[in-house]
Amino acid sequence: MCATRPQWSCTHPTRGYLLRVDLATPKRVPTLAQERALDQAMAARQTCGECGRRFYICLSKKLGCCLECFDGTPVDPSSCMPAPAPVTHRLAA
């Protein structure tokens, strides 16, 4: 059935196969550069500007920092991501 004419079957190419799982096509797989860009964008939204901790949730743009830095409300340690390991370079020079 079509949304504009319920008595007709919808043969429009973009609307015909919405519910047919056997005719659905898979999503495109993002490239590594796209995944890196998305991770950087999420890191900017999840990192506190004051203390530098990254949280699992997006922080408020209005506050610009986490609640602990804003008003001293303690933050649950399980809501923070672990800090990445420091990078050590092993140059052979």
N, C-alpha and C. Protein backbone atom coordinates (compact mmCIF):
# COMPACT_ATOMS: atom_id res chain seq x y z
N MET A 1 0.84 -1.18 0.00
CA MET A 1 0.00 0.00 0.00
C MET A 1 0.88 1.24 0.00
N CYS A 2 0.42 2.25 -0.64
CA CYS A 2 1.16 3.50 -0.74
C CYS A 2 0.55 4.51 0.23
N ALA A 3 1.37 5.40 0.76
CA ALA A 3 0.89 6.35 1.75
C ALA A 3 -0.08 7.36 1.15
N THR A 4 0.16 7.76 -0.10
CA THR A 4 -0.72 8.77 -0.70
C THR A 4 -1.98 8.15 -1.28
N ARG A 5 -1.89 6.90 -1.76
CA ARG A 5 -3.06 6.21 -2.32
C ARG A 5 -3.13 4.81 -1.73
N PRO A 6 -3.81 4.64 -0.59
CA PRO A 6 -3.81 3.34 0.09
C PRO A 6 -4.40 2.20 -0.73
N GLN A 7 -5.22 2.50 -1.70
CA GLN A 7 -5.84 1.44 -2.48
C GLN A 7 -4.89 0.88 -3.55
N TRP A 8 -3.77 1.57 -3.83
CA TRP A 8 -2.81 1.11 -4.83
C TRP A 8 -1.58 0.52 -4.14
N SER A 9 -0.89 -0.34 -4.83
CA SER A 9 0.38 -0.82 -4.30
C SER A 9 1.47 0.18 -4.69
N CYS A 10 2.42 0.37 -3.82
CA CYS A 10 3.46 1.36 -4.05
C CYS A 10 4.58 0.73 -4.86
N THR A 11 4.86 1.26 -6.04
CA THR A 11 5.92 0.72 -6.89
C THR A 11 7.07 1.70 -7.02
N HIS A 12 7.10 2.73 -6.21
CA HIS A 12 8.20 3.70 -6.26
C HIS A 12 9.48 3.01 -5.80
N PRO A 13 10.62 3.23 -6.50
CA PRO A 13 11.83 2.47 -6.16
C PRO A 13 12.39 2.75 -4.77
N THR A 14 12.12 3.93 -4.20
CA THR A 14 12.67 4.20 -2.87
C THR A 14 11.71 3.81 -1.75
N ARG A 15 10.50 3.45 -2.07
CA ARG A 15 9.52 3.14 -1.04
C ARG A 15 9.01 1.70 -1.09
N GLY A 16 9.34 0.98 -2.12
CA GLY A 16 8.75 -0.33 -2.32
C GLY A 16 9.27 -1.41 -1.40
N TYR A 17 10.53 -1.38 -1.02
CA TYR A 17 11.13 -2.50 -0.32
C TYR A 17 11.50 -2.16 1.12
N LEU A 18 10.79 -1.28 1.77
CA LEU A 18 11.14 -0.88 3.12
C LEU A 18 10.97 -2.00 4.13
N LEU A 19 10.00 -2.86 3.95
CA LEU A 19 9.73 -3.90 4.92
C LEU A 19 10.12 -5.29 4.43
N ARG A 20 10.65 -5.41 3.24
CA ARG A 20 11.05 -6.70 2.71
C ARG A 20 12.51 -6.95 3.07
N VAL A 21 12.76 -7.79 4.05
CA VAL A 21 14.11 -8.05 4.52
C VAL A 21 14.92 -8.79 3.46
N ASP A 22 14.29 -9.65 2.70
CA ASP A 22 15.02 -10.41 1.69
C ASP A 22 15.50 -9.54 0.53
N LEU A 23 14.89 -8.38 0.31
CA LEU A 23 15.30 -7.49 -0.77
C LEU A 23 16.12 -6.30 -0.27
N ALA A 24 16.39 -6.22 1.01
CA ALA A 24 17.14 -5.10 1.57
C ALA A 24 18.62 -5.24 1.22
N THR A 25 19.28 -4.11 1.04
CA THR A 25 20.71 -4.12 0.76
C THR A 25 21.47 -3.74 2.03
N PRO A 26 22.67 -4.26 2.22
CA PRO A 26 23.43 -3.94 3.43
C PRO A 26 23.93 -2.50 3.42
N LYS A 27 24.21 -1.99 4.63
CA LYS A 27 24.74 -0.64 4.74
C LYS A 27 26.18 -0.62 4.27
N ARG A 28 26.63 0.56 3.87
CA ARG A 28 28.04 0.70 3.52
C ARG A 28 28.87 0.66 4.78
N VAL A 29 30.02 0.04 4.70
CA VAL A 29 30.94 -0.02 5.83
C VAL A 29 31.77 1.26 5.82
N PRO A 30 31.84 2.00 6.95
CA PRO A 30 32.62 3.24 6.96
C PRO A 30 34.12 2.95 6.85
N THR A 31 34.83 3.87 6.25
CA THR A 31 36.27 3.74 6.14
C THR A 31 36.92 4.06 7.49
N LEU A 32 38.20 3.74 7.61
CA LEU A 32 38.91 4.03 8.86
C LEU A 32 38.98 5.53 9.10
N ALA A 33 39.11 6.33 8.05
CA ALA A 33 39.15 7.79 8.21
C ALA A 33 37.81 8.32 8.73
N GLN A 34 36.69 7.75 8.25
CA GLN A 34 35.37 8.17 8.73
C GLN A 34 35.18 7.78 10.19
N GLU A 35 35.62 6.57 10.56
CA GLU A 35 35.50 6.16 11.95
C GLU A 35 36.38 7.02 12.86
N ARG A 36 37.56 7.39 12.40
CA ARG A 36 38.45 8.25 13.19
C ARG A 36 37.83 9.63 13.37
N ALA A 37 37.21 10.16 12.31
CA ALA A 37 36.58 11.48 12.40
C ALA A 37 35.39 11.44 13.36
N LEU A 38 34.61 10.36 13.34
CA LEU A 38 33.49 10.24 14.27
C LEU A 38 33.97 10.12 15.70
N ASP A 39 35.07 9.37 15.91
CA ASP A 39 35.60 9.23 17.26
C ASP A 39 36.13 10.56 17.78
N GLN A 40 36.77 11.35 16.92
CA GLN A 40 37.26 12.65 17.35
C GLN A 40 36.12 13.60 17.68
N ALA A 41 35.04 13.53 16.90
CA ALA A 41 33.87 14.39 17.18
C ALA A 41 33.22 13.99 18.49
N MET A 42 33.09 12.68 18.74
CA MET A 42 32.50 12.23 20.00
C MET A 42 33.42 12.55 21.18
N ALA A 43 34.73 12.46 20.97
CA ALA A 43 35.66 12.80 22.05
C ALA A 43 35.54 14.26 22.43
N ALA A 44 35.32 15.13 21.45
CA ALA A 44 35.16 16.55 21.75
C ALA A 44 33.89 16.80 22.56
N ARG A 45 32.84 16.03 22.33
CA ARG A 45 31.59 16.20 23.06
C ARG A 45 31.61 15.55 24.43
N GLN A 46 32.49 14.55 24.63
CA GLN A 46 32.50 13.79 25.86
C GLN A 46 33.62 14.17 26.81
N THR A 47 34.54 15.03 26.41
CA THR A 47 35.69 15.38 27.23
C THR A 47 35.43 16.70 27.97
N CYS A 48 35.74 16.70 29.26
CA CYS A 48 35.58 17.90 30.07
C CYS A 48 36.68 18.89 29.72
N GLY A 49 36.33 20.14 29.57
CA GLY A 49 37.31 21.16 29.23
C GLY A 49 38.18 21.57 30.40
N GLU A 50 37.74 21.30 31.63
CA GLU A 50 38.49 21.69 32.82
C GLU A 50 39.48 20.60 33.26
N CYS A 51 38.96 19.39 33.49
CA CYS A 51 39.81 18.33 34.03
C CYS A 51 40.35 17.39 32.97
N GLY A 52 39.78 17.39 31.78
CA GLY A 52 40.28 16.57 30.69
C GLY A 52 39.83 15.13 30.71
N ARG A 53 38.90 14.75 31.62
CA ARG A 53 38.40 13.38 31.65
C ARG A 53 37.37 13.18 30.55
N ARG A 54 37.36 11.97 29.95
CA ARG A 54 36.38 11.64 28.93
C ARG A 54 35.32 10.74 29.56
N PHE A 55 34.05 11.08 29.32
CA PHE A 55 32.92 10.36 29.88
C PHE A 55 32.26 9.52 28.81
N TYR A 56 31.42 8.57 29.24
CA TYR A 56 30.67 7.74 28.31
C TYR A 56 29.47 8.48 27.74
N ILE A 57 29.07 9.58 28.35
CA ILE A 57 27.94 10.37 27.88
C ILE A 57 28.45 11.70 27.34
N CYS A 58 27.63 12.36 26.55
CA CYS A 58 27.99 13.69 26.06
C CYS A 58 27.73 14.71 27.16
N LEU A 59 28.66 15.63 27.33
CA LEU A 59 28.54 16.64 28.37
C LEU A 59 27.70 17.81 27.86
N SER A 60 27.18 18.58 28.77
CA SER A 60 26.33 19.72 28.43
C SER A 60 27.16 20.82 27.78
N LYS A 61 26.67 21.32 26.65
CA LYS A 61 27.35 22.45 25.99
C LYS A 61 27.18 23.72 26.81
N LYS A 62 26.08 23.79 27.52
CA LYS A 62 25.79 24.97 28.33
C LYS A 62 26.81 25.15 29.44
N LEU A 63 27.17 24.04 30.09
CA LEU A 63 28.14 24.11 31.18
C LEU A 63 29.57 24.17 30.66
N GLY A 64 29.87 23.37 29.63
CA GLY A 64 31.21 23.34 29.08
C GLY A 64 32.18 22.48 29.85
N CYS A 65 31.69 21.83 30.92
CA CYS A 65 32.55 20.96 31.72
C CYS A 65 31.66 19.95 32.43
N CYS A 66 32.30 19.04 33.18
CA CYS A 66 31.53 18.04 33.93
C CYS A 66 30.94 18.69 35.18
N LEU A 67 30.02 17.99 35.83
CA LEU A 67 29.37 18.54 37.02
C LEU A 67 30.34 18.71 38.17
N GLU A 68 31.34 17.83 38.27
CA GLU A 68 32.30 17.94 39.36
C GLU A 68 33.12 19.23 39.23
N CYS A 69 33.49 19.58 38.01
CA CYS A 69 34.24 20.82 37.81
C CYS A 69 33.33 22.04 37.93
N PHE A 70 32.05 21.88 37.59
CA PHE A 70 31.13 23.02 37.60
C PHE A 70 30.71 23.40 39.01
N ASP A 71 30.20 22.42 39.78
CA ASP A 71 29.70 22.77 41.11
C ASP A 71 30.16 21.82 42.21
N GLY A 72 31.07 20.91 41.91
CA GLY A 72 31.61 20.04 42.93
C GLY A 72 30.83 18.77 43.17
N THR A 73 29.80 18.49 42.37
CA THR A 73 29.04 17.26 42.52
C THR A 73 29.95 16.09 42.17
N PRO A 74 30.10 15.10 43.05
CA PRO A 74 31.01 14.00 42.74
C PRO A 74 30.53 13.18 41.55
N VAL A 75 31.48 12.74 40.75
CA VAL A 75 31.19 11.97 39.55
C VAL A 75 31.44 10.50 39.85
N ASP A 76 30.54 9.65 39.39
CA ASP A 76 30.72 8.21 39.55
C ASP A 76 31.93 7.77 38.71
N PRO A 77 32.89 7.09 39.30
CA PRO A 77 34.08 6.69 38.54
C PRO A 77 33.77 5.76 37.37
N SER A 78 32.66 5.02 37.43
CA SER A 78 32.33 4.12 36.32
C SER A 78 31.79 4.87 35.11
N SER A 79 31.51 6.18 35.23
CA SER A 79 31.01 6.95 34.10
C SER A 79 32.14 7.56 33.27
N CYS A 80 33.39 7.39 33.73
CA CYS A 80 34.55 7.92 33.01
C CYS A 80 35.24 6.81 32.24
N MET A 81 35.76 7.14 31.08
CA MET A 81 36.55 6.19 30.31
C MET A 81 37.95 6.12 30.88
N PRO A 82 38.57 4.97 30.82
CA PRO A 82 39.95 4.88 31.31
C PRO A 82 40.87 5.70 30.41
N ALA A 83 41.89 6.28 31.00
CA ALA A 83 42.85 7.08 30.23
C ALA A 83 43.63 6.18 29.29
N PRO A 84 43.89 6.64 28.07
CA PRO A 84 44.67 5.81 27.15
C PRO A 84 46.10 5.67 27.64
N ALA A 85 46.71 4.56 27.31
CA ALA A 85 48.08 4.30 27.72
C ALA A 85 49.02 5.27 27.00
N PRO A 86 50.04 5.76 27.69
CA PRO A 86 50.98 6.67 27.02
C PRO A 86 51.74 5.94 25.90
N VAL A 87 51.98 6.67 24.84
CA VAL A 87 52.67 6.11 23.70
C VAL A 87 54.16 6.19 23.93
N THR A 88 54.84 5.07 23.81
CA THR A 88 56.29 5.06 23.95
C THR A 88 56.88 4.78 22.57
N HIS A 89 57.82 5.61 22.20
CA HIS A 89 58.47 5.42 20.89
C HIS A 89 59.76 4.63 21.10
N ARG A 90 59.97 3.68 20.26
CA ARG A 90 61.16 2.88 20.33
C ARG A 90 61.96 3.04 19.05
N LEU A 91 62.58 4.19 18.94
CA LEU A 91 63.37 4.46 17.75
C LEU A 91 64.74 3.81 17.90
N ALA A 92 65.27 3.34 16.82
CA ALA A 92 66.54 2.64 16.84
C ALA A 92 67.70 3.60 16.51
N ALA A 93 67.64 4.80 16.99
CA ALA A 93 68.72 5.73 16.65
C ALA A 93 69.49 6.15 17.85
